[in-house]
Protein backbone atom coordinates (compact mmCIF):
# COMPACT_ATOMS: atom_id res chain seq x y z
CA MET A 1 19.11 14.29 189.55
CA ALA A 2 18.33 11.71 191.81
CA GLY A 3 16.92 9.78 189.35
CA ALA A 4 20.28 9.65 187.64
CA ALA A 5 22.22 8.54 190.67
CA VAL A 6 19.83 5.62 190.84
CA CYS A 7 20.35 4.43 187.49
CA PHE A 8 24.23 5.01 187.92
CA MET A 9 23.75 2.81 190.91
CA LEU A 10 21.95 0.08 189.28
CA LEU A 11 24.46 -0.07 186.50
CA VAL A 12 27.76 -0.19 188.76
CA VAL A 13 26.20 -2.73 191.46
CA ALA A 14 25.43 -5.20 188.47
CA PRO A 15 27.78 -5.23 186.17
CA ARG A 16 26.84 -7.04 183.03
CA ALA A 17 28.02 -11.22 182.44
CA ALA A 18 30.05 -12.22 179.42
CA GLY A 19 27.01 -13.29 178.00
CA PRO A 20 26.60 -15.25 173.98
CA SER A 21 29.93 -15.34 172.07
CA HIS A 22 30.33 -11.28 170.39
CA THR A 23 29.54 -10.78 167.00
CA ILE A 24 32.23 -8.38 166.02
CA PRO A 25 33.35 -9.07 162.76
CA ALA A 26 36.63 -10.54 161.67
CA ARG A 27 37.17 -7.76 159.41
CA LEU A 28 35.78 -4.29 159.41
CA SER A 29 35.08 -2.79 155.93
CA ASP A 30 37.18 0.46 155.07
CA GLN A 31 33.57 2.26 154.86
CA GLU A 32 32.38 0.77 158.24
CA PHE A 33 36.11 1.61 160.06
CA TRP A 34 35.75 5.34 158.91
CA ARG A 35 32.19 5.70 159.71
CA LEU A 36 33.30 4.38 163.42
CA VAL A 37 35.78 7.01 163.26
CA SER A 38 33.63 9.74 162.24
CA ASP A 39 30.49 9.39 164.06
CA MET A 40 31.96 8.14 167.48
CA SER A 41 34.59 10.91 167.73
CA GLU A 42 34.20 14.34 169.48
CA PRO A 43 35.60 17.64 168.94
CA ALA A 44 39.17 17.91 169.55
CA GLY A 45 40.46 18.85 172.83
CA TYR A 46 43.89 19.84 174.00
CA PHE A 47 46.80 18.45 175.92
CA GLN A 48 50.14 19.68 176.73
CA SER A 49 52.39 17.42 175.12
CA ASP A 50 53.10 15.74 171.96
CA ASN A 51 52.66 12.07 173.36
CA LEU A 52 54.37 10.67 170.10
CA VAL A 53 56.20 7.91 172.13
CA SER A 54 54.99 6.50 175.78
CA ASN A 55 57.16 7.74 178.46
CA GLU A 56 56.07 4.24 180.71
CA LEU A 57 58.97 2.17 180.79
CA THR A 58 57.59 -0.70 182.87
CA PHE A 59 54.28 -0.75 181.45
CA GLN A 60 54.70 -4.70 180.20
CA TRP A 61 55.27 -5.39 184.20
CA VAL A 62 51.29 -6.00 184.08
CA ILE A 63 51.07 -8.28 181.40
CA PRO A 64 51.37 -11.84 182.84
CA GLU A 65 48.66 -10.60 185.37
CA LEU A 66 46.25 -9.04 183.00
CA LYS A 67 46.61 -12.30 180.47
CA SER A 68 45.13 -14.39 183.85
CA ARG A 69 42.09 -11.91 183.96
CA TRP A 70 41.56 -11.88 179.97
CA VAL A 71 39.05 -14.12 178.48
CA ASN A 72 39.24 -14.62 174.54
CA GLY A 73 37.14 -12.40 172.35
CA ARG A 74 37.23 -9.43 174.62
CA ALA A 75 37.34 -6.13 173.48
CA TYR A 76 40.03 -3.30 174.28
CA LEU A 77 40.04 0.18 175.34
CA GLY A 78 43.10 2.34 175.49
CA VAL A 79 44.52 5.79 175.36
CA GLY A 80 47.77 7.32 173.77
CA PRO A 81 50.23 6.22 171.16
CA ASP A 82 52.04 2.82 170.21
CA GLN A 83 52.08 1.13 173.76
CA ASN A 84 48.62 0.10 173.47
CA PHE A 85 50.41 -2.19 170.40
CA THR A 86 51.84 -4.57 173.21
CA TYR A 87 48.90 -4.80 175.09
CA LEU A 88 47.24 -6.16 171.89
CA ALA A 89 50.02 -8.17 170.70
CA ALA A 90 49.56 -9.99 174.43
CA LEU A 91 45.99 -10.06 174.77
CA GLN A 92 44.99 -10.54 170.72
CA PRO A 93 41.21 -8.56 171.51
CA SER A 94 38.09 -9.19 169.02
CA ILE A 95 38.52 -5.19 168.68
CA ALA A 96 40.41 -2.26 169.92
CA PHE A 97 39.29 1.03 170.49
CA ILE A 98 42.02 3.97 170.87
CA VAL A 99 40.17 7.07 172.79
CA ASP A 100 42.02 10.51 172.81
CA VAL A 101 41.16 13.84 173.37
CA ARG A 102 43.73 14.89 170.64
CA ARG A 103 42.92 14.83 167.12
CA ASP A 104 46.95 14.45 166.57
CA ASN A 105 46.94 11.16 168.26
CA LEU A 106 44.29 9.74 165.69
CA ARG A 107 46.64 11.13 163.45
CA LEU A 108 49.27 9.18 164.94
CA GLN A 109 47.56 6.22 164.88
CA LEU A 110 46.61 6.65 160.98
CA MET A 111 50.45 6.73 160.26
CA TYR A 112 51.11 3.72 162.17
CA LYS A 113 48.14 2.03 160.38
CA ALA A 114 49.54 2.62 156.86
CA LEU A 115 53.09 1.70 157.84
CA VAL A 116 52.34 -1.56 159.57
CA GLU A 117 49.98 -2.38 156.83
CA LEU A 118 52.51 -1.44 154.16
CA SER A 119 55.52 -3.43 156.10
CA ARG A 120 55.74 -7.31 155.95
CA THR A 121 58.52 -7.14 158.50
CA ARG A 122 59.42 -5.36 161.94
CA ALA A 123 62.56 -4.10 159.62
CA GLU A 124 60.27 -2.83 156.86
CA PHE A 125 58.33 -1.13 159.29
CA LEU A 126 61.19 0.61 161.22
CA SER A 127 63.07 1.37 157.92
CA ARG A 128 59.87 3.52 156.90
CA LEU A 129 58.95 5.12 160.08
CA PHE A 130 62.66 6.22 160.61
CA SER A 131 63.02 6.91 156.95
CA ARG A 132 66.61 4.92 156.76
CA GLU A 133 67.51 2.46 154.38
CA LEU A 134 66.99 -1.30 155.57
CA PRO A 135 70.45 -2.39 157.12
CA ASP A 136 72.01 -5.36 155.05
CA SER A 137 71.61 -9.12 156.35
CA LEU A 138 69.06 -8.71 159.02
CA ALA A 139 67.44 -12.10 159.62
CA ASP A 140 63.51 -11.91 160.46
CA ASP A 141 64.19 -13.43 163.67
CA VAL A 142 66.97 -11.23 164.58
CA SER A 143 66.29 -9.55 168.25
CA VAL A 144 64.90 -6.45 168.60
CA VAL A 145 68.08 -5.15 170.41
CA HIS A 146 70.04 -5.87 167.32
CA LEU A 147 67.36 -4.70 165.21
CA MET A 148 67.65 -0.97 166.97
CA ALA A 149 71.21 -1.11 166.64
CA ALA A 150 71.43 -1.91 163.27
CA PHE A 151 68.94 1.33 162.48
CA ARG A 152 70.91 3.58 164.60
CA ARG A 153 73.88 2.73 162.30
CA VAL A 154 72.01 3.99 159.12
CA SER A 155 71.44 7.96 158.69
CA PRO A 156 67.92 9.38 157.92
CA SER A 157 67.17 10.10 154.39
CA GLN A 158 65.22 13.02 153.33
CA ALA A 159 64.56 11.19 149.93
CA GLN A 160 63.07 8.14 151.85
CA PHE A 161 60.92 10.64 153.87
CA GLN A 162 59.25 12.23 151.27
CA GLU A 163 58.45 8.87 149.56
CA THR A 164 57.32 7.22 152.52
CA LEU A 165 54.92 10.10 153.44
CA LYS A 166 53.56 10.16 149.63
CA ILE A 167 52.82 6.44 150.06
CA VAL A 168 51.23 6.99 153.52
CA GLY A 169 48.91 9.39 152.14
CA GLU A 170 48.03 7.48 149.27
CA HIS A 171 47.69 4.08 151.10
CA LEU A 172 44.71 6.30 153.38
CA GLN A 173 43.24 8.16 150.92
CA VAL A 174 43.43 6.04 148.15
CA GLY A 175 43.73 2.68 149.24
CA HIS A 176 41.14 3.08 152.03
CA GLY A 177 39.10 5.54 151.06
CA PHE A 178 39.67 7.64 153.98
CA ALA A 179 38.72 11.37 154.01
CA LEU A 180 41.70 13.11 155.31
CA THR A 181 42.05 16.90 155.71
CA ALA A 182 44.82 18.95 154.87
CA GLU A 183 45.37 19.36 158.71
CA ASP A 184 45.22 15.67 158.88
CA LEU A 185 48.03 15.26 156.46
CA ALA A 186 50.12 17.93 158.17
CA GLY A 187 49.89 16.21 161.34
CA ILE A 188 50.89 12.65 159.83
CA GLU A 189 53.96 14.81 158.13
CA TYR A 190 55.05 15.98 161.43
CA VAL A 191 54.93 12.72 163.46
CA LEU A 192 56.99 10.91 160.38
CA SER A 193 59.81 13.61 160.24
CA ALA A 194 60.02 13.80 164.30
CA PHE A 195 60.77 10.12 163.72
CA ARG A 196 63.35 10.88 160.92
CA TYR A 197 65.09 13.44 162.89
CA ALA A 198 65.28 11.61 166.21
CA GLY A 199 65.02 7.58 164.97
CA PRO A 200 65.50 5.70 168.04
CA GLY A 201 66.30 8.38 170.10
CA LEU A 202 63.02 9.74 169.89
CA THR A 203 61.41 10.39 173.44
CA TYR A 204 58.09 11.86 174.78
CA GLY A 205 59.85 15.23 175.14
CA ASN A 206 60.06 14.94 171.34
CA ALA A 207 63.39 14.78 169.49
CA GLY A 208 65.17 12.79 172.08
CA ARG A 209 66.75 16.01 174.06
CA MET A 210 65.10 15.04 177.45
CA GLY A 211 66.89 12.64 179.24
CA ARG A 212 64.36 12.06 182.22
CA TYR A 213 62.18 10.15 179.43
CA PRO A 214 62.66 6.70 177.88
CA THR A 215 63.65 6.84 174.14
CA TYR A 216 61.51 4.65 171.81
CA GLN A 217 64.46 2.71 171.37
CA SER A 218 64.55 1.44 175.09
CA LEU A 219 60.89 1.17 175.26
CA MET A 220 60.99 -1.15 172.50
CA GLU A 221 63.83 -3.19 174.13
CA ALA A 222 61.91 -2.94 177.77
CA SER A 223 60.88 -6.54 179.38
CA ASP A 224 58.49 -7.36 181.81
CA ALA A 225 59.50 -7.94 185.55
CA THR A 226 61.18 -11.46 184.65
CA GLY A 227 62.76 -10.36 181.52
CA GLU A 228 60.49 -11.60 179.25
CA LEU A 229 60.13 -9.15 175.77
CA ARG A 230 56.59 -8.79 175.17
CA GLY A 231 57.00 -5.42 172.89
CA TYR A 232 55.25 -5.73 169.79
CA LEU A 233 58.24 -5.54 168.18
CA ALA A 234 60.10 -8.07 170.17
CA SER A 235 59.65 -10.61 167.74
CA GLU A 236 57.97 -11.29 164.05
CA SER A 237 54.94 -13.22 165.59
CA LEU A 238 54.18 -10.57 167.91
CA TYR A 239 54.35 -7.92 165.18
CA ARG A 240 52.12 -9.95 162.98
CA ARG A 241 49.34 -10.04 165.52
CA VAL A 242 49.02 -6.62 165.34
CA ARG A 243 49.32 -6.16 161.80
CA SER A 244 46.63 -8.79 161.59
CA LEU A 245 44.61 -6.31 163.47
CA GLN A 246 45.59 -3.47 161.44
CA LEU A 247 44.94 -5.18 158.04
CA ASN A 248 41.38 -5.94 159.23
CA ASN A 249 40.37 -2.56 160.52
CA LEU A 250 39.79 -3.82 164.11
CA ILE A 251 42.08 -0.98 165.76
CA VAL A 252 39.84 2.15 165.27
CA PRO A 253 41.49 5.48 166.91
CA ILE A 254 38.68 7.82 167.96
CA VAL A 255 39.02 11.88 169.12
CA GLY A 256 37.12 11.68 172.65
CA ASP A 257 37.57 13.07 176.03
CA PHE A 258 36.95 10.10 178.69
CA SER A 259 34.59 12.47 180.44
CA GLY A 260 33.05 13.66 177.45
CA PRO A 261 29.23 13.02 176.47
CA LYS A 262 29.55 10.66 173.13
CA ALA A 263 32.80 8.92 172.29
CA LEU A 264 33.06 6.40 175.46
CA ARG A 265 29.25 5.83 175.24
CA GLN A 266 28.90 5.38 171.48
CA VAL A 267 32.09 2.56 172.18
CA ALA A 268 29.41 1.38 174.64
CA ASP A 269 26.45 0.97 172.25
CA TYR A 270 28.96 -0.72 169.52
CA LEU A 271 30.08 -3.27 172.02
CA LYS A 272 26.71 -4.11 173.53
CA THR A 273 25.19 -4.32 170.25
CA HIS A 274 27.62 -6.67 169.04
CA ARG A 275 27.55 -8.72 172.38
CA ALA A 276 31.20 -7.85 173.05
CA VAL A 277 32.49 -7.40 176.60
CA VAL A 278 35.20 -4.94 177.84
CA GLY A 279 38.55 -7.12 178.90
CA ALA A 280 40.84 -4.09 179.43
CA ILE A 281 40.96 -0.46 179.84
CA TYR A 282 44.19 1.16 179.57
CA SER A 283 43.96 4.22 180.69
CA SER A 284 47.12 5.45 181.57
CA ASN A 285 47.25 8.61 184.07
CA VAL A 286 44.33 10.29 182.53
CA GLU A 287 42.44 9.54 185.85
CA GLN A 288 44.93 11.89 187.22
CA TYR A 289 43.69 14.55 185.26
CA LEU A 290 40.09 14.11 185.61
CA PHE A 291 40.49 14.52 188.99
CA GLN A 292 42.17 17.62 188.63
CA TYR A 293 39.67 19.14 186.45
CA GLY A 294 36.96 17.85 188.11
CA THR A 295 35.30 15.88 185.78
CA TRP A 296 35.92 12.24 187.17
CA ARG A 297 32.45 11.17 187.89
CA ALA A 298 31.29 12.03 184.44
CA TYR A 299 33.98 9.69 183.23
CA TYR A 300 32.99 6.70 185.76
CA ALA A 301 29.76 7.01 184.73
CA ASN A 302 30.67 6.70 180.72
CA VAL A 303 32.35 3.78 182.03
CA ALA A 304 29.51 2.55 183.70
CA THR A 305 27.70 2.31 180.08
CA LEU A 306 30.39 -0.14 179.17
CA PRO A 307 29.59 -3.97 179.04
CA ILE A 308 31.98 -5.37 181.38
CA ASP A 309 32.11 -8.63 184.28
CA GLU A 310 34.00 -9.15 187.44
CA ARG A 311 36.90 -9.93 185.22
CA SER A 312 37.28 -6.57 183.03
CA THR A 313 40.20 -4.63 184.10
CA PHE A 314 41.61 -0.93 184.24
CA VAL A 315 44.92 -0.36 183.80
CA ARG A 316 46.13 2.71 184.88
CA SER A 317 49.75 4.68 185.38
CA CYS A 318 50.89 6.27 188.44
CA PHE A 319 53.86 8.72 188.58
CA ASN A 320 56.47 9.17 191.16
CA ALA A 321 53.85 8.54 194.00
CA CYS A 322 53.54 4.96 193.35
CA VAL A 323 56.87 4.21 191.60
CA THR A 324 59.05 1.03 193.33
CA THR A 325 61.68 0.90 190.99
CA THR A 326 64.85 2.97 189.92
CA ARG A 327 64.00 2.25 186.18
CA SER A 328 61.19 4.04 185.67
CA ARG A 329 59.24 7.44 186.89
CA SER A 330 56.04 5.39 186.41
CA VAL A 331 54.18 2.17 187.61
CA GLN A 332 51.33 0.33 186.18
CA LEU A 333 48.30 -0.63 188.35
CA LEU A 334 45.49 -3.21 187.60
CA ASP A 335 41.82 -2.58 189.57
CA PRO A 336 38.44 -4.69 188.51
CA VAL A 337 36.37 -2.21 186.56
CA ALA A 338 33.18 -3.30 188.36
CA ALA A 339 34.25 -2.98 191.94
CA LEU A 340 35.65 0.30 191.36
CA LEU A 341 32.72 1.43 189.86
CA ARG A 342 30.66 -0.10 193.16
CA ASP A 343 32.64 1.97 195.42
CA VAL A 344 32.22 5.08 193.02
CA ALA A 345 28.49 5.18 193.14
CA GLY A 346 29.31 3.99 197.06
CA GLY A 347 31.06 7.33 198.14
CA ARG A 348 34.32 5.60 198.76
CA ILE A 349 36.24 7.41 196.01
CA GLY A 350 36.37 10.95 196.41
CA SER A 351 40.11 11.89 195.41
CA TYR A 352 42.72 10.69 193.30
CA TYR A 353 44.59 9.25 196.24
CA ASP A 354 41.64 7.07 197.13
CA LEU A 355 41.46 5.81 193.54
CA LEU A 356 45.08 5.01 193.62
CA ALA A 357 44.95 2.84 197.28
CA HIS A 358 42.00 1.00 195.57
CA SER A 359 44.78 -0.33 192.62
CA ARG A 360 47.64 -2.92 192.96
């Protein structure tokens, strides 16, 4: 036990430097992508909500500072649904791993993968996502506000829903050759049906019925603190960045517990093999639950195996206690990974409140 603690200390007091250029492929084959998904994943766990969309309205606010810390070619780790795409559009990593304890999140990510790959433009993507016909006369450069307003005026179509569900399944199973189970396909149908039912009004609480949460529309129309629109649907150019990553199989969804024995460590092994450094870890408020469950030390031991340096940054979300704006129940905080790991190893972090105080 003492030996393990010493090893952990050595890991966190001497974070890895950037080293030579990474060897992440420009494109993963379908077989390699699915091998990573399958081999890195752990047994699925439980969370209390669907998490079909984010409930973090101001998550773009940290992007300017996060970009100032970013180095080209870095890898990205995240959790949850499509707010990750906005960070990916801003940072343009060499590869992204989306690690979530729920297999339903993997299914949601695979649905997004299919829809984005099949859709050349934002309007085509939203047409498929909402199961609604394309509105007339939408220019490619239309604002996201006008784009959402246009789709709110169109009624959902059961026929289009069935057609989209069919082509998504064919695209993933036949086009890519992914070995999806019947439960996976049913999970994709559930997510797509929620978007068909609620459209732009879908919320974290599902189906747009809970006013305390931002809608999908408000999340897509959100900006950073200066008013700059940074969402992945804010422009065609940002959407194309995400689409390129999807087409090249570089957004890899994994089922895994952050404090589990396998997923993060497998990601670490892969990145070290390809001499890639982690630039950002978007953890939302997962750490809140890890402290609650008493598994946070295992999580930081896992993070300590990742290739990092002094620029590697946590992006964490604090709800209620840290909020400084009436627009959102949450605020995003940045924290250098190496500095936090040193303080964990030094016994200076013992509670979730210590963690929040460490962030800014």
